[in-house]
């Protein structure tokens, strides 16, 4: 089953950096196992463009679609047997300690 994992900042990161896993090791391990299909960091939310169509007109606005303290800073597409495996993969990611990870299964 495929999952989109949104990598987000958090206002209350882990204070003990010594327990935070290494991101390069996490990527290498999950790429090698086939659990990580793709992933990347995103540039600053200030570079975002929000697109909407209303009344047949394309409306553009600078910046993210929502004003929040937490922002999406990256993503990974995971291929896991089930939600339990996806949770285990997410829990081993460094941003589980310094941010937050949102898992969403692909539809259908």
N, C-alpha and C. Protein backbone atom coordinates (compact mmCIF):
# COMPACT_ATOMS: atom_id res chain seq x y z
N UNK A 1 0.84 -1.17 0.00
CA UNK A 1 0.00 0.00 0.00
C UNK A 1 0.89 1.24 0.00
N UNK A 2 0.53 2.22 -0.82
CA UNK A 2 1.32 3.45 -0.89
C UNK A 2 0.78 4.48 0.10
N UNK A 3 1.72 5.20 0.72
CA UNK A 3 1.39 6.28 1.65
C UNK A 3 2.18 7.52 1.26
N UNK A 4 1.52 8.66 1.33
CA UNK A 4 2.22 9.95 1.23
C UNK A 4 2.55 10.34 2.66
N UNK A 5 3.80 10.65 2.90
CA UNK A 5 4.22 11.10 4.21
C UNK A 5 4.65 12.56 4.09
N UNK A 6 3.85 13.45 4.65
CA UNK A 6 4.19 14.86 4.67
C UNK A 6 5.15 15.10 5.83
N UNK A 7 6.26 15.75 5.57
CA UNK A 7 7.26 16.07 6.58
C UNK A 7 7.03 17.53 6.96
N UNK A 8 6.70 17.76 8.23
CA UNK A 8 6.30 19.10 8.68
C UNK A 8 7.13 19.55 9.87
N UNK A 9 7.26 20.87 10.00
CA UNK A 9 7.91 21.43 11.17
C UNK A 9 6.95 21.35 12.35
N UNK A 10 7.48 21.62 13.52
CA UNK A 10 6.67 21.63 14.74
C UNK A 10 7.22 22.70 15.66
N UNK A 11 6.38 23.25 16.48
CA UNK A 11 6.81 24.30 17.39
C UNK A 11 7.48 23.75 18.64
N UNK A 12 7.42 22.43 18.85
CA UNK A 12 8.02 21.82 20.04
C UNK A 12 8.91 20.64 19.66
N UNK A 13 10.11 20.91 19.10
CA UNK A 13 11.00 19.81 18.70
C UNK A 13 11.64 19.12 19.90
N UNK A 14 12.18 17.94 19.66
CA UNK A 14 12.93 17.20 20.67
C UNK A 14 14.13 18.03 21.09
N UNK A 15 14.39 18.10 22.38
CA UNK A 15 15.51 18.91 22.86
C UNK A 15 16.81 18.12 22.95
N UNK A 16 16.73 16.80 23.00
CA UNK A 16 17.93 15.97 23.09
C UNK A 16 18.32 15.50 21.69
N UNK A 17 19.18 16.27 21.02
CA UNK A 17 19.58 15.96 19.65
C UNK A 17 20.33 14.63 19.54
N UNK A 18 20.87 14.13 20.63
CA UNK A 18 21.66 12.89 20.58
C UNK A 18 20.80 11.67 20.26
N UNK A 19 19.48 11.76 20.43
CA UNK A 19 18.63 10.60 20.15
C UNK A 19 17.96 10.68 18.78
N UNK A 20 18.19 11.77 18.06
CA UNK A 20 17.57 11.95 16.74
C UNK A 20 18.33 11.14 15.70
N UNK A 21 17.62 10.28 14.95
CA UNK A 21 18.27 9.47 13.93
C UNK A 21 18.88 10.32 12.81
N UNK A 22 19.84 9.74 12.11
CA UNK A 22 20.50 10.40 10.99
C UNK A 22 19.62 10.29 9.75
N UNK A 23 19.31 11.42 9.11
CA UNK A 23 18.45 11.41 7.94
C UNK A 23 19.06 10.65 6.77
N UNK A 24 20.36 10.74 6.59
CA UNK A 24 21.00 10.05 5.47
C UNK A 24 20.92 8.54 5.64
N UNK A 25 21.03 8.06 6.87
CA UNK A 25 20.88 6.63 7.15
C UNK A 25 19.44 6.19 6.94
N UNK A 26 18.48 7.01 7.38
CA UNK A 26 17.06 6.70 7.19
C UNK A 26 16.75 6.55 5.70
N UNK A 27 17.23 7.51 4.89
CA UNK A 27 16.98 7.47 3.45
C UNK A 27 17.64 6.23 2.84
N UNK A 28 18.88 5.98 3.18
CA UNK A 28 19.60 4.82 2.63
C UNK A 28 18.89 3.51 2.97
N UNK A 29 18.51 3.35 4.24
CA UNK A 29 17.84 2.12 4.68
C UNK A 29 16.51 1.91 3.96
N UNK A 30 15.73 2.96 3.85
CA UNK A 30 14.40 2.82 3.25
C UNK A 30 14.44 2.78 1.73
N UNK A 31 15.44 3.39 1.12
CA UNK A 31 15.63 3.23 -0.33
C UNK A 31 16.04 1.79 -0.64
N UNK A 32 16.97 1.27 0.15
CA UNK A 32 17.47 -0.09 -0.08
C UNK A 32 16.38 -1.15 0.09
N UNK A 33 15.47 -0.93 1.03
CA UNK A 33 14.40 -1.90 1.28
C UNK A 33 13.23 -1.75 0.32
N UNK A 34 13.19 -0.65 -0.42
CA UNK A 34 12.08 -0.40 -1.33
C UNK A 34 10.88 0.25 -0.67
N UNK A 35 10.99 0.57 0.61
CA UNK A 35 9.87 1.22 1.31
C UNK A 35 9.74 2.69 0.92
N UNK A 36 10.82 3.33 0.53
CA UNK A 36 10.79 4.73 0.12
C UNK A 36 10.82 4.77 -1.41
N UNK A 37 9.72 5.15 -2.01
CA UNK A 37 9.59 5.19 -3.46
C UNK A 37 10.19 6.48 -4.01
N UNK A 38 9.95 7.60 -3.31
CA UNK A 38 10.46 8.90 -3.73
C UNK A 38 10.37 9.84 -2.53
N UNK A 39 11.08 10.94 -2.62
CA UNK A 39 10.99 11.93 -1.56
C UNK A 39 11.93 13.08 -1.85
N UNK A 40 11.64 14.22 -1.22
CA UNK A 40 12.49 15.38 -1.40
C UNK A 40 12.12 16.45 -0.41
N UNK A 41 13.05 17.39 -0.22
CA UNK A 41 12.76 18.57 0.57
C UNK A 41 12.07 19.59 -0.32
N UNK A 42 11.34 20.49 0.31
CA UNK A 42 10.69 21.57 -0.42
C UNK A 42 11.36 22.88 -0.03
N UNK A 43 11.34 23.85 -0.94
CA UNK A 43 11.88 25.16 -0.62
C UNK A 43 10.89 25.89 0.29
N UNK A 44 11.27 27.04 0.76
CA UNK A 44 10.50 27.82 1.72
C UNK A 44 9.05 28.04 1.27
N UNK A 45 8.11 28.02 2.22
CA UNK A 45 6.70 28.29 1.88
C UNK A 45 6.50 29.66 1.21
N UNK A 46 7.41 30.58 1.43
CA UNK A 46 7.27 31.90 0.81
C UNK A 46 7.39 31.82 -0.71
N UNK A 47 7.93 30.72 -1.24
CA UNK A 47 8.04 30.56 -2.69
C UNK A 47 6.82 29.87 -3.30
N UNK A 48 5.85 29.51 -2.46
CA UNK A 48 4.66 28.79 -2.94
C UNK A 48 3.75 29.70 -3.77
N UNK A 49 3.03 29.08 -4.67
CA UNK A 49 1.97 29.74 -5.42
C UNK A 49 0.71 28.91 -5.25
N UNK A 50 -0.35 29.53 -4.79
CA UNK A 50 -1.63 28.84 -4.61
C UNK A 50 -2.50 29.14 -5.82
N UNK A 51 -3.09 28.09 -6.39
CA UNK A 51 -3.90 28.20 -7.61
C UNK A 51 -5.33 27.80 -7.28
N UNK A 52 -6.28 28.64 -7.68
CA UNK A 52 -7.70 28.34 -7.55
C UNK A 52 -8.39 28.78 -8.84
N UNK A 53 -9.51 28.14 -9.15
CA UNK A 53 -10.34 28.58 -10.26
C UNK A 53 -11.72 28.88 -9.68
N UNK A 54 -12.18 30.11 -9.91
CA UNK A 54 -13.50 30.55 -9.44
C UNK A 54 -14.17 31.29 -10.59
N UNK A 55 -15.38 30.86 -10.90
CA UNK A 55 -16.11 31.50 -11.99
C UNK A 55 -15.39 31.43 -13.31
N UNK A 56 -14.62 30.36 -13.52
CA UNK A 56 -13.88 30.20 -14.76
C UNK A 56 -12.59 31.00 -14.83
N UNK A 57 -12.26 31.73 -13.78
CA UNK A 57 -11.05 32.55 -13.76
C UNK A 57 -9.99 31.90 -12.87
N UNK A 58 -8.76 31.84 -13.37
CA UNK A 58 -7.64 31.31 -12.59
C UNK A 58 -7.16 32.41 -11.65
N UNK A 59 -7.18 32.09 -10.35
CA UNK A 59 -6.74 33.04 -9.33
C UNK A 59 -5.46 32.52 -8.70
N UNK A 60 -4.44 33.36 -8.68
CA UNK A 60 -3.15 33.00 -8.11
C UNK A 60 -2.87 33.87 -6.89
N UNK A 61 -2.27 33.26 -5.88
CA UNK A 61 -1.81 34.05 -4.74
C UNK A 61 -0.44 33.54 -4.33
N UNK A 62 0.39 34.45 -3.87
CA UNK A 62 1.72 34.10 -3.40
C UNK A 62 1.62 33.47 -2.03
N UNK A 63 2.48 32.49 -1.79
CA UNK A 63 2.55 31.87 -0.48
C UNK A 63 1.68 30.64 -0.36
N UNK A 64 1.78 29.98 0.79
CA UNK A 64 1.04 28.74 1.03
C UNK A 64 -0.46 29.00 1.16
N UNK A 65 -1.25 27.94 1.05
CA UNK A 65 -2.70 28.07 1.11
C UNK A 65 -3.20 28.38 2.52
N UNK A 66 -2.37 28.15 3.54
CA UNK A 66 -2.78 28.40 4.92
C UNK A 66 -1.66 29.10 5.68
N UNK A 67 -2.03 29.98 6.56
CA UNK A 67 -1.06 30.66 7.43
C UNK A 67 -0.98 29.87 8.73
N UNK A 68 0.12 29.16 8.94
CA UNK A 68 0.30 28.38 10.16
C UNK A 68 1.75 28.48 10.61
N UNK A 69 1.98 28.12 11.86
CA UNK A 69 3.36 28.07 12.37
C UNK A 69 4.07 26.83 11.86
N UNK A 70 3.33 25.74 11.69
CA UNK A 70 3.89 24.51 11.16
C UNK A 70 3.75 24.53 9.64
N UNK A 71 4.81 24.10 8.95
CA UNK A 71 4.76 24.09 7.48
C UNK A 71 5.26 22.75 6.96
N UNK A 72 4.82 22.40 5.77
CA UNK A 72 5.31 21.20 5.09
C UNK A 72 6.68 21.54 4.50
N UNK A 73 7.70 20.78 4.89
CA UNK A 73 9.06 21.05 4.41
C UNK A 73 9.58 19.95 3.49
N UNK A 74 8.81 18.89 3.32
CA UNK A 74 9.24 17.81 2.45
C UNK A 74 8.17 16.73 2.37
N UNK A 75 8.48 15.68 1.64
CA UNK A 75 7.56 14.57 1.49
C UNK A 75 8.33 13.30 1.17
N UNK A 76 7.71 12.20 1.46
CA UNK A 76 8.21 10.89 1.03
C UNK A 76 7.01 10.07 0.61
N UNK A 77 7.17 9.28 -0.43
CA UNK A 77 6.16 8.32 -0.83
C UNK A 77 6.66 6.97 -0.36
N UNK A 78 5.85 6.32 0.46
CA UNK A 78 6.24 5.04 1.06
C UNK A 78 5.43 3.90 0.46
N UNK A 79 6.05 2.76 0.32
CA UNK A 79 5.38 1.53 -0.09
C UNK A 79 5.51 0.58 1.09
N UNK A 80 4.41 0.36 1.80
CA UNK A 80 4.43 -0.46 3.02
C UNK A 80 3.31 -1.49 2.97
N UNK A 81 3.48 -2.55 3.73
CA UNK A 81 2.48 -3.61 3.76
C UNK A 81 1.17 -3.11 4.35
N UNK A 82 1.26 -2.23 5.34
CA UNK A 82 0.06 -1.74 6.01
C UNK A 82 0.41 -0.49 6.82
N UNK A 83 -0.58 0.07 7.51
CA UNK A 83 -0.38 1.28 8.28
C UNK A 83 0.64 1.07 9.40
N UNK A 84 0.64 -0.09 10.01
CA UNK A 84 1.61 -0.36 11.08
C UNK A 84 3.05 -0.23 10.59
N UNK A 85 3.33 -0.76 9.41
CA UNK A 85 4.67 -0.64 8.86
C UNK A 85 4.98 0.82 8.52
N UNK A 86 4.01 1.54 7.96
CA UNK A 86 4.21 2.95 7.63
C UNK A 86 4.49 3.77 8.90
N UNK A 87 3.81 3.45 9.98
CA UNK A 87 4.04 4.14 11.25
C UNK A 87 5.45 3.86 11.75
N UNK A 88 5.89 2.62 11.65
CA UNK A 88 7.25 2.27 12.09
C UNK A 88 8.30 3.02 11.26
N UNK A 89 8.09 3.13 9.95
CA UNK A 89 9.02 3.86 9.08
C UNK A 89 9.02 5.33 9.48
N UNK A 90 7.85 5.90 9.69
CA UNK A 90 7.75 7.31 10.07
C UNK A 90 8.38 7.57 11.44
N UNK A 91 8.18 6.68 12.37
CA UNK A 91 8.71 6.86 13.73
C UNK A 91 10.24 6.84 13.75
N UNK A 92 10.87 6.25 12.74
CA UNK A 92 12.33 6.20 12.66
C UNK A 92 12.90 7.41 11.93
N UNK A 93 12.05 8.27 11.37
CA UNK A 93 12.49 9.45 10.62
C UNK A 93 12.89 10.55 11.61
N UNK A 94 13.97 11.28 11.34
CA UNK A 94 14.40 12.35 12.25
C UNK A 94 13.33 13.41 12.52
N UNK A 95 12.47 13.67 11.57
CA UNK A 95 11.45 14.70 11.80
C UNK A 95 10.33 14.22 12.71
N UNK A 96 10.30 12.93 13.03
CA UNK A 96 9.37 12.48 14.06
C UNK A 96 9.81 13.04 15.42
N UNK A 97 11.08 13.39 15.52
CA UNK A 97 11.65 13.95 16.75
C UNK A 97 11.62 15.48 16.73
N UNK A 98 11.90 16.07 15.58
CA UNK A 98 12.02 17.52 15.50
C UNK A 98 10.85 18.21 14.81
N UNK A 99 9.93 17.44 14.30
CA UNK A 99 8.78 18.00 13.62
C UNK A 99 7.60 17.07 13.79
N UNK A 100 6.92 16.84 12.72
CA UNK A 100 5.81 15.87 12.73
C UNK A 100 5.66 15.31 11.34
N UNK A 101 5.14 14.10 11.26
CA UNK A 101 4.94 13.42 9.99
C UNK A 101 3.47 13.05 9.87
N UNK A 102 2.90 13.36 8.74
CA UNK A 102 1.51 13.00 8.48
C UNK A 102 1.49 11.93 7.42
N UNK A 103 0.87 10.80 7.73
CA UNK A 103 0.74 9.69 6.78
C UNK A 103 -0.66 9.67 6.20
N UNK A 104 -0.73 9.56 4.89
CA UNK A 104 -2.03 9.41 4.22
C UNK A 104 -1.93 8.32 3.18
N UNK A 105 -2.83 7.32 3.26
CA UNK A 105 -2.82 6.28 2.23
C UNK A 105 -3.34 6.84 0.91
N UNK A 106 -2.84 6.26 -0.16
CA UNK A 106 -3.36 6.62 -1.48
C UNK A 106 -4.79 6.14 -1.59
N UNK A 107 -5.61 6.87 -2.30
CA UNK A 107 -7.01 6.51 -2.51
C UNK A 107 -7.10 5.39 -3.53
N UNK A 108 -7.90 4.40 -3.21
CA UNK A 108 -8.22 3.31 -4.11
C UNK A 108 -7.06 2.58 -4.59
